[in-house]
């Protein structure tokens, strides 16, 4: 019976500071697929970001779940499924920026853009509010969640960790449609492919992985923020260990 893994990318598959573990994870993915199973990466990255980081992604992944579950691409880079913001939600989000403790720089994403935009796009799949003060980002998280629960805060360990053109910013809020989410996209992918829920396995390390871990046969990377969020989660040292020792190929 065909199995499906939906896995986070950064700090789950790919480790910037650990080439050996990254390599082991990619080899495990190849073994998984060689045995007739399906592998989907589920990441907050956009399509353009994935292509920059891993131009040969189709050699490893069958599907890409992007923008924290707003869009699914197949291995050929074609949109498989997508969901976007409603006009009402967008209007409310623009209005609420006036109430935030710091006026953020806003960037916009959609499934087809080559990169983010500083101007609103058609069929937007994600908005990002950038902050220079982490505490302002934290306070803004609670405010934005009154309108859109699917909002996640990311903090850079230092200013130098932010490699984007917005190098002076220390934190950002990612906001995705209420109809999106890694767990939503994983469910939709399994439904379209005809894979039973019991044959779907998920793994991740961050806040936006929690619902995906909960909904399926989920695993949190050991010692990650996801693992600390719910002590009842199954824990695993790495994706490689999950494939080779927990669920088998």
Foldseek 3Di string as FASTA:
>chain_A
DAFEEEEEPDPFQDDPVCVPSNVLSQVLLLVNVVVPYAYEYAYLAAPLVCCVVCVQCLSRHQWYQYNQFQFIAGSVLHTPDGAAADPVLVVVVVVCCVVQPDNFQKWWDDRPDNDIHSDDDPRTFKMKTFALDVVSVVVVLVVSCVRAVQKDKDFDPDLVSDPDPPSNTGMMIMGGHNCGHSLNNQVVVCVVVVHDQQRYEYEYADPSCQVNQVRGVYEYEPPGPSCVVDVPGHYDPHSSCCAPPPPHD
